[in-house]
């Protein structure tokens, strides 16, 4: 959780360690997950803190696009923050993402 005083537990920080045998291997990715008032009926918004090249991530904002990321697009209230992070890590290993050229680590963080 980002704010210990947030009694609604809306803002979270997540970490993904890039999977082996991909261009993401050894990289550490920080993400922000935000749960609006309609969570858990609606998915949280998920945003990478630094630039990453993946088919489901908006290159301008770092937002994970629910239309391109099935876990958010087909959200079930049983899903957890951990499920989202695990699914994104698996997405990094898919044929369409595992070899995509990546920005230099730590470069061009989003504001």
C-alpha atoms as a PDB file:
ATOM      1  CA  UNK A   1       0.000   0.000   0.000  1.00  0.00           C
ATOM      2  CA  UNK A   2       1.193   3.501  -0.786  1.00  0.00           C
ATOM      3  CA  UNK A   3      -0.511   5.355   2.064  1.00  0.00           C
ATOM      4  CA  UNK A   4      -0.962   3.759   5.479  1.00  0.00           C
ATOM      5  CA  UNK A   5      -3.712   6.314   6.250  1.00  0.00           C
ATOM      6  CA  UNK A   6      -5.790   5.254   3.223  1.00  0.00           C
ATOM      7  CA  UNK A   7      -8.582   3.371   5.005  1.00  0.00           C
ATOM      8  CA  UNK A   8     -10.053   2.339   1.632  1.00  0.00           C
ATOM      9  CA  UNK A   9      -6.740   0.767   0.516  1.00  0.00           C
ATOM     10  CA  UNK A  10      -6.996   2.213  -2.989  1.00  0.00           C
ATOM     11  CA  UNK A  11      -3.402   2.929  -4.022  1.00  0.00           C
ATOM     12  CA  UNK A  12      -0.838   0.132  -4.316  1.00  0.00           C
ATOM     13  CA  UNK A  13       2.692  -0.297  -5.609  1.00  0.00           C
ATOM     14  CA  UNK A  14       3.624  -3.576  -7.253  1.00  0.00           C
ATOM     15  CA  UNK A  15       6.929  -5.025  -8.414  1.00  0.00           C
ATOM     16  CA  UNK A  16       7.653  -7.449 -11.223  1.00  0.00           C
ATOM     17  CA  UNK A  17      11.058  -9.036 -11.783  1.00  0.00           C
ATOM     18  CA  UNK A  18      11.449  -9.703 -15.500  1.00  0.00           C
ATOM     19  CA  UNK A  19      11.186 -13.379 -16.452  1.00  0.00           C
ATOM     20  CA  UNK A  20      14.258 -15.369 -17.563  1.00  0.00           C
ATOM     21  CA  UNK A  21      15.068 -15.896 -21.244  1.00  0.00           C
ATOM     22  CA  UNK A  22      13.366 -12.658 -22.287  1.00  0.00           C
ATOM     23  CA  UNK A  23      14.540  -9.091 -22.909  1.00  0.00           C
ATOM     24  CA  UNK A  24      13.005  -8.363 -19.489  1.00  0.00           C
ATOM     25  CA  UNK A  25      15.293 -10.778 -17.619  1.00  0.00           C
ATOM     26  CA  UNK A  26      16.785  -9.249 -14.480  1.00  0.00           C
ATOM     27  CA  UNK A  27      14.895  -5.966 -14.817  1.00  0.00           C
ATOM     28  CA  UNK A  28      12.787  -4.743 -11.929  1.00  0.00           C
ATOM     29  CA  UNK A  29       9.526  -3.052 -12.883  1.00  0.00           C
ATOM     30  CA  UNK A  30       7.532  -0.869 -10.476  1.00  0.00           C
ATOM     31  CA  UNK A  31       3.817  -0.438 -11.110  1.00  0.00           C
ATOM     32  CA  UNK A  32       1.048   1.640  -9.567  1.00  0.00           C
ATOM     33  CA  UNK A  33      -2.317  -0.030  -9.086  1.00  0.00           C
ATOM     34  CA  UNK A  34      -5.280   2.139  -8.194  1.00  0.00           C
ATOM     35  CA  UNK A  35      -8.653   0.792  -7.054  1.00  0.00           C
ATOM     36  CA  UNK A  36     -11.547   3.182  -7.593  1.00  0.00           C
ATOM     37  CA  UNK A  37     -14.752   3.131  -5.551  1.00  0.00           C
ATOM     38  CA  UNK A  38     -16.234   0.382  -7.750  1.00  0.00           C
ATOM     39  CA  UNK A  39     -13.419  -2.089  -6.971  1.00  0.00           C
ATOM     40  CA  UNK A  40     -13.606  -5.136  -6.752  1.00  0.00           C
ATOM     41  CA  UNK A  41     -16.492  -5.128  -9.226  1.00  0.00           C
ATOM     42  CA  UNK A  42     -14.304  -3.202 -11.701  1.00  0.00           C
ATOM     43  CA  UNK A  43     -10.561  -3.749 -12.167  1.00  0.00           C
ATOM     44  CA  UNK A  44      -7.936  -1.382 -10.831  1.00  0.00           C
ATOM     45  CA  UNK A  45      -6.002   0.834 -13.199  1.00  0.00           C
ATOM     46  CA  UNK A  46      -2.472  -0.434 -13.672  1.00  0.00           C
ATOM     47  CA  UNK A  47       0.433   1.743 -14.761  1.00  0.00           C
ATOM     48  CA  UNK A  48       4.136   1.025 -15.206  1.00  0.00           C
ATOM     49  CA  UNK A  49       6.311   3.649 -13.506  1.00  0.00           C
ATOM     50  CA  UNK A  50       9.047   3.514 -16.160  1.00  0.00           C
ATOM     51  CA  UNK A  51       8.836   2.899 -19.871  1.00  0.00           C
ATOM     52  CA  UNK A  52       8.399  -0.684 -21.015  1.00  0.00           C
ATOM     53  CA  UNK A  53       7.716  -1.959 -24.506  1.00  0.00           C
ATOM     54  CA  UNK A  54       4.826  -4.461 -24.347  1.00  0.00           C
ATOM     55  CA  UNK A  55       1.832  -4.941 -26.621  1.00  0.00           C
ATOM     56  CA  UNK A  56      -0.645  -4.259 -23.787  1.00  0.00           C
ATOM     57  CA  UNK A  57       1.032  -1.079 -22.460  1.00  0.00           C
ATOM     58  CA  UNK A  58       0.367   2.431 -23.769  1.00  0.00           C
ATOM     59  CA  UNK A  59       3.773   3.816 -24.752  1.00  0.00           C
ATOM     60  CA  UNK A  60       2.814   7.400 -23.897  1.00  0.00           C
ATOM     61  CA  UNK A  61       1.348   6.840 -20.422  1.00  0.00           C
ATOM     62  CA  UNK A  62       2.556   3.453 -19.176  1.00  0.00           C
ATOM     63  CA  UNK A  63      -1.066   2.400 -18.602  1.00  0.00           C
ATOM     64  CA  UNK A  64      -1.955  -1.258 -19.112  1.00  0.00           C
ATOM     65  CA  UNK A  65      -4.750  -1.313 -21.704  1.00  0.00           C
ATOM     66  CA  UNK A  66      -7.681  -3.531 -20.614  1.00  0.00           C
ATOM     67  CA  UNK A  67      -8.561  -4.110 -24.291  1.00  0.00           C
ATOM     68  CA  UNK A  68      -5.149  -5.709 -24.798  1.00  0.00           C
ATOM     69  CA  UNK A  69      -4.694  -7.371 -21.416  1.00  0.00           C
ATOM     70  CA  UNK A  70      -7.346 -10.063 -20.831  1.00  0.00           C
ATOM     71  CA  UNK A  71      -7.135 -10.146 -17.031  1.00  0.00           C
ATOM     72  CA  UNK A  72      -8.307  -6.521 -16.824  1.00  0.00           C
ATOM     73  CA  UNK A  73     -10.582  -6.748 -19.865  1.00  0.00           C
ATOM     74  CA  UNK A  74     -12.410  -9.822 -18.540  1.00  0.00           C
ATOM     75  CA  UNK A  75     -12.198  -8.826 -14.885  1.00  0.00           C
ATOM     76  CA  UNK A  76     -13.610 -11.082 -12.178  1.00  0.00           C
ATOM     77  CA  UNK A  77     -13.977  -9.776  -8.661  1.00  0.00           C
ATOM     78  CA  UNK A  78     -12.060 -12.815  -7.346  1.00  0.00           C
ATOM     79  CA  UNK A  79      -8.859 -11.589  -9.024  1.00  0.00           C
ATOM     80  CA  UNK A  80      -6.218 -10.082  -6.768  1.00  0.00           C
ATOM     81  CA  UNK A  81      -3.384  -7.587  -7.174  1.00  0.00           C
ATOM     82  CA  UNK A  82      -1.000 -10.540  -7.105  1.00  0.00           C
ATOM     83  CA  UNK A  83      -2.934 -12.204  -9.951  1.00  0.00           C
ATOM     84  CA  UNK A  84      -2.483  -9.064 -12.068  1.00  0.00           C
ATOM     85  CA  UNK A  85       1.278  -8.936 -11.438  1.00  0.00           C
ATOM     86  CA  UNK A  86       1.707 -12.659 -12.163  1.00  0.00           C
ATOM     87  CA  UNK A  87      -0.308 -12.338 -15.362  1.00  0.00           C
ATOM     88  CA  UNK A  88       1.737  -9.332 -16.527  1.00  0.00           C
ATOM     89  CA  UNK A  89       4.949 -11.270 -15.864  1.00  0.00           C
ATOM     90  CA  UNK A  90       3.573 -14.141 -17.990  1.00  0.00           C
ATOM     91  CA  UNK A  91       2.686 -11.602 -20.690  1.00  0.00           C
ATOM     92  CA  UNK A  92       6.353 -10.570 -20.795  1.00  0.00           C
ATOM     93  CA  UNK A  93       7.203 -14.155 -21.806  1.00  0.00           C
ATOM     94  CA  UNK A  94       4.728 -14.396 -24.687  1.00  0.00           C
ATOM     95  CA  UNK A  95       6.142 -14.593 -28.230  1.00  0.00           C
ATOM     96  CA  UNK A  96       4.905 -11.074 -29.058  1.00  0.00           C
ATOM     97  CA  UNK A  97       6.661  -9.515 -26.020  1.00  0.00           C
ATOM     98  CA  UNK A  98       9.666 -11.632 -25.106  1.00  0.00           C
ATOM     99  CA  UNK A  99      12.031 -10.093 -27.658  1.00  0.00           C
ATOM    100  CA  UNK A 100      10.700  -6.537 -28.110  1.00  0.00           C
ATOM    101  CA  UNK A 101      13.425  -3.906 -27.899  1.00  0.00           C
ATOM    102  CA  UNK A 102      13.272  -2.199 -24.499  1.00  0.00           C
ATOM    103  CA  UNK A 103      14.190   1.331 -23.420  1.00  0.00           C
ATOM    104  CA  UNK A 104      17.310   1.637 -21.296  1.00  0.00           C
ATOM    105  CA  UNK A 105      16.541   0.574 -17.738  1.00  0.00           C
ATOM    106  CA  UNK A 106      15.427   3.496 -15.589  1.00  0.00           C
ATOM    107  CA  UNK A 107      15.055   5.836 -18.556  1.00  0.00           C
ATOM    108  CA  UNK A 108      12.174   8.174 -19.276  1.00  0.00           C
ATOM    109  CA  UNK A 109       9.955   7.577 -16.284  1.00  0.00           C
ATOM    110  CA  UNK A 110       6.360   8.753 -16.684  1.00  0.00           C
ATOM    111  CA  UNK A 111       5.191  11.781 -14.738  1.00  0.00           C
END
